[in-house]
N, C-alpha and C. Protein backbone atom coordinates (compact mmCIF):
# COMPACT_ATOMS: atom_id res chain seq x y z
N MET A 1 0.85 -1.17 0.00
CA MET A 1 0.00 0.00 0.00
C MET A 1 0.89 1.23 0.00
N ARG A 2 0.44 2.27 -0.65
CA ARG A 2 1.15 3.55 -0.69
C ARG A 2 0.25 4.63 -0.12
N VAL A 3 0.93 5.63 0.41
CA VAL A 3 0.21 6.78 0.97
C VAL A 3 0.80 8.04 0.36
N ALA A 4 -0.08 8.90 -0.13
CA ALA A 4 0.34 10.18 -0.70
C ALA A 4 -0.16 11.29 0.22
N HIS A 5 0.76 12.16 0.61
CA HIS A 5 0.42 13.33 1.41
C HIS A 5 0.42 14.52 0.45
N LEU A 6 -0.72 15.16 0.31
CA LEU A 6 -0.89 16.21 -0.69
C LEU A 6 -1.04 17.58 -0.04
N THR A 7 -0.45 18.57 -0.67
CA THR A 7 -0.71 19.97 -0.33
C THR A 7 -1.56 20.52 -1.46
N ILE A 8 -2.69 21.11 -1.09
CA ILE A 8 -3.68 21.56 -2.07
C ILE A 8 -4.01 23.02 -1.82
N SER A 9 -4.02 23.81 -2.89
CA SER A 9 -4.42 25.21 -2.76
C SER A 9 -5.83 25.39 -3.30
N GLY A 10 -6.48 26.45 -2.85
CA GLY A 10 -7.81 26.75 -3.34
C GLY A 10 -8.93 26.16 -2.50
N MET A 11 -8.57 25.49 -1.42
CA MET A 11 -9.59 24.92 -0.54
C MET A 11 -9.89 25.95 0.55
N THR A 12 -10.82 26.84 0.26
CA THR A 12 -11.10 27.93 1.18
C THR A 12 -12.40 27.77 1.96
N ALA A 13 -13.12 26.71 1.69
CA ALA A 13 -14.39 26.49 2.39
C ALA A 13 -14.65 24.98 2.51
N VAL A 14 -15.57 24.65 3.38
CA VAL A 14 -15.90 23.25 3.62
C VAL A 14 -16.39 22.56 2.35
N HIS A 15 -17.12 23.26 1.50
CA HIS A 15 -17.62 22.63 0.27
C HIS A 15 -16.45 22.19 -0.62
N ALA A 16 -15.33 22.91 -0.58
CA ALA A 16 -14.16 22.51 -1.38
C ALA A 16 -13.55 21.22 -0.82
N VAL A 17 -13.53 21.09 0.49
CA VAL A 17 -13.03 19.86 1.12
C VAL A 17 -13.89 18.68 0.67
N ARG A 18 -15.19 18.85 0.69
CA ARG A 18 -16.10 17.78 0.25
C ARG A 18 -15.93 17.46 -1.22
N ALA A 19 -15.73 18.49 -2.04
CA ALA A 19 -15.57 18.28 -3.48
C ALA A 19 -14.29 17.50 -3.78
N VAL A 20 -13.20 17.81 -3.09
CA VAL A 20 -11.95 17.08 -3.28
C VAL A 20 -12.12 15.63 -2.83
N TYR A 21 -12.74 15.42 -1.68
CA TYR A 21 -12.98 14.07 -1.17
C TYR A 21 -13.80 13.26 -2.17
N THR A 22 -14.83 13.84 -2.71
CA THR A 22 -15.69 13.16 -3.69
C THR A 22 -14.91 12.86 -4.96
N ALA A 23 -14.05 13.77 -5.39
CA ALA A 23 -13.25 13.55 -6.60
C ALA A 23 -12.31 12.37 -6.43
N PHE A 24 -11.72 12.20 -5.25
CA PHE A 24 -10.83 11.06 -5.01
C PHE A 24 -11.56 9.73 -5.10
N ALA A 25 -12.85 9.73 -4.78
CA ALA A 25 -13.64 8.49 -4.86
C ALA A 25 -13.71 7.97 -6.29
N GLY A 26 -13.55 8.84 -7.27
CA GLY A 26 -13.61 8.43 -8.67
C GLY A 26 -12.27 8.00 -9.25
N VAL A 27 -11.22 8.01 -8.45
CA VAL A 27 -9.89 7.62 -8.95
C VAL A 27 -9.68 6.13 -8.68
N PRO A 28 -9.52 5.32 -9.75
CA PRO A 28 -9.30 3.89 -9.56
C PRO A 28 -8.00 3.64 -8.79
N GLY A 29 -8.07 2.80 -7.77
CA GLY A 29 -6.89 2.46 -6.98
C GLY A 29 -6.85 3.16 -5.64
N VAL A 30 -7.65 4.22 -5.47
CA VAL A 30 -7.70 4.91 -4.18
C VAL A 30 -8.59 4.11 -3.25
N SER A 31 -8.05 3.75 -2.08
CA SER A 31 -8.83 2.97 -1.12
C SER A 31 -9.36 3.82 0.02
N ARG A 32 -8.69 4.94 0.30
CA ARG A 32 -9.11 5.78 1.41
C ARG A 32 -8.54 7.18 1.21
N ALA A 33 -9.30 8.18 1.61
CA ALA A 33 -8.82 9.56 1.54
C ALA A 33 -9.29 10.32 2.77
N GLU A 34 -8.40 11.10 3.32
CA GLU A 34 -8.73 12.01 4.41
C GLU A 34 -8.37 13.40 3.92
N VAL A 35 -9.38 14.25 3.83
CA VAL A 35 -9.18 15.58 3.26
C VAL A 35 -9.47 16.62 4.34
N VAL A 36 -8.53 17.54 4.50
CA VAL A 36 -8.69 18.66 5.43
C VAL A 36 -8.36 19.93 4.67
N MET A 37 -8.69 21.06 5.24
CA MET A 37 -8.42 22.33 4.60
C MET A 37 -6.93 22.45 4.28
N GLY A 38 -6.59 22.56 3.01
CA GLY A 38 -5.21 22.74 2.59
C GLY A 38 -4.44 21.49 2.26
N GLY A 39 -5.06 20.31 2.43
CA GLY A 39 -4.31 19.11 2.11
C GLY A 39 -5.14 17.84 2.22
N ALA A 40 -4.46 16.73 1.94
CA ALA A 40 -5.13 15.43 1.99
C ALA A 40 -4.10 14.32 2.16
N THR A 41 -4.57 13.22 2.71
CA THR A 41 -3.79 12.00 2.78
C THR A 41 -4.58 10.94 2.04
N VAL A 42 -3.96 10.33 1.04
CA VAL A 42 -4.65 9.38 0.18
C VAL A 42 -3.92 8.04 0.22
N GLU A 43 -4.64 6.99 0.58
CA GLU A 43 -4.09 5.64 0.53
C GLU A 43 -4.50 5.02 -0.80
N HIS A 44 -3.53 4.37 -1.46
CA HIS A 44 -3.83 3.77 -2.76
C HIS A 44 -2.99 2.51 -2.97
N ASP A 45 -3.30 1.81 -4.05
CA ASP A 45 -2.68 0.50 -4.31
C ASP A 45 -1.36 0.57 -5.07
N GLY A 46 -0.87 1.77 -5.35
CA GLY A 46 0.39 1.92 -6.07
C GLY A 46 0.23 2.19 -7.55
N THR A 47 -0.97 2.05 -8.07
CA THR A 47 -1.20 2.32 -9.48
C THR A 47 -1.59 3.78 -9.74
N VAL A 48 -1.87 4.51 -8.68
CA VAL A 48 -2.31 5.90 -8.79
C VAL A 48 -1.09 6.78 -9.03
N THR A 49 -1.18 7.64 -10.03
CA THR A 49 -0.08 8.54 -10.35
C THR A 49 -0.37 9.94 -9.81
N GLU A 50 0.68 10.74 -9.76
CA GLU A 50 0.52 12.13 -9.33
C GLU A 50 -0.42 12.87 -10.28
N ALA A 51 -0.35 12.56 -11.57
CA ALA A 51 -1.24 13.19 -12.55
C ALA A 51 -2.70 12.85 -12.28
N MET A 52 -2.97 11.62 -11.89
CA MET A 52 -4.35 11.23 -11.58
C MET A 52 -4.87 12.00 -10.37
N LEU A 53 -4.02 12.16 -9.35
CA LEU A 53 -4.42 12.93 -8.17
C LEU A 53 -4.62 14.40 -8.52
N ALA A 54 -3.73 14.94 -9.34
CA ALA A 54 -3.84 16.35 -9.76
C ALA A 54 -5.12 16.57 -10.55
N ASP A 55 -5.47 15.63 -11.42
CA ASP A 55 -6.71 15.75 -12.20
C ASP A 55 -7.93 15.74 -11.29
N ALA A 56 -7.92 14.87 -10.28
CA ALA A 56 -9.06 14.81 -9.35
C ALA A 56 -9.19 16.11 -8.58
N VAL A 57 -8.07 16.64 -8.11
CA VAL A 57 -8.08 17.90 -7.37
C VAL A 57 -8.57 19.04 -8.28
N ALA A 58 -8.12 19.07 -9.52
CA ALA A 58 -8.54 20.10 -10.47
C ALA A 58 -10.03 20.00 -10.77
N LEU A 59 -10.54 18.77 -10.84
CA LEU A 59 -11.97 18.56 -11.07
C LEU A 59 -12.79 19.21 -9.96
N ALA A 60 -12.23 19.24 -8.76
CA ALA A 60 -12.92 19.86 -7.63
C ALA A 60 -12.70 21.37 -7.57
N GLY A 61 -11.95 21.91 -8.53
CA GLY A 61 -11.75 23.35 -8.58
C GLY A 61 -10.57 23.86 -7.76
N CYS A 62 -9.66 22.95 -7.39
CA CYS A 62 -8.50 23.31 -6.59
C CYS A 62 -7.24 22.96 -7.37
N ALA A 63 -6.07 23.17 -6.75
CA ALA A 63 -4.81 22.88 -7.43
C ALA A 63 -3.88 22.09 -6.51
N LEU A 64 -3.26 21.06 -7.08
CA LEU A 64 -2.29 20.26 -6.35
C LEU A 64 -0.96 21.01 -6.36
N VAL A 65 -0.42 21.28 -5.17
CA VAL A 65 0.81 22.05 -5.03
C VAL A 65 2.01 21.13 -4.85
N ALA A 66 1.87 20.10 -4.00
CA ALA A 66 2.99 19.20 -3.72
C ALA A 66 2.47 17.84 -3.31
N VAL A 67 3.30 16.81 -3.58
CA VAL A 67 2.98 15.43 -3.21
C VAL A 67 4.20 14.81 -2.56
N ARG A 68 3.96 14.14 -1.43
CA ARG A 68 5.01 13.36 -0.79
C ARG A 68 4.47 11.94 -0.65
N GLU A 69 5.16 10.99 -1.28
CA GLU A 69 4.72 9.59 -1.27
C GLU A 69 5.48 8.80 -0.22
N GLU A 70 4.81 7.84 0.38
CA GLU A 70 5.47 6.89 1.27
C GLU A 70 4.85 5.52 1.03
N ARG A 71 5.61 4.53 1.35
CA ARG A 71 5.13 3.16 1.21
C ARG A 71 4.94 2.60 2.60
N ARG A 72 3.78 2.02 2.83
CA ARG A 72 3.48 1.40 4.13
C ARG A 72 3.47 -0.11 3.97
N LEU A 73 4.09 -0.77 4.91
CA LEU A 73 4.06 -2.21 4.91
C LEU A 73 2.73 -2.66 5.51
N PRO A 74 2.17 -3.75 4.99
CA PRO A 74 0.90 -4.23 5.53
C PRO A 74 1.08 -4.68 6.98
N THR A 75 0.07 -4.41 7.80
CA THR A 75 0.11 -4.85 9.19
C THR A 75 -0.47 -6.25 9.29
N LEU A 76 0.05 -7.01 10.18
CA LEU A 76 -0.40 -8.40 10.36
C LEU A 76 -1.38 -8.50 11.47
């Protein structure tokens, strides 16, 4: 599993947070997303690209500023 920590601009109201969260639901490979004002943490299966995340954020009317990826080992 991979986790992407995103910095997002243009999220100035709660409706923008909801719009970004909803947009991530349409990205194949995303299993979980936590969206807060100014950023998000997205868990995915490794097939999700930065471009796919940027497109989802743009669909919600915001802009992806930065991405930091990490790989998490599965817990037993």
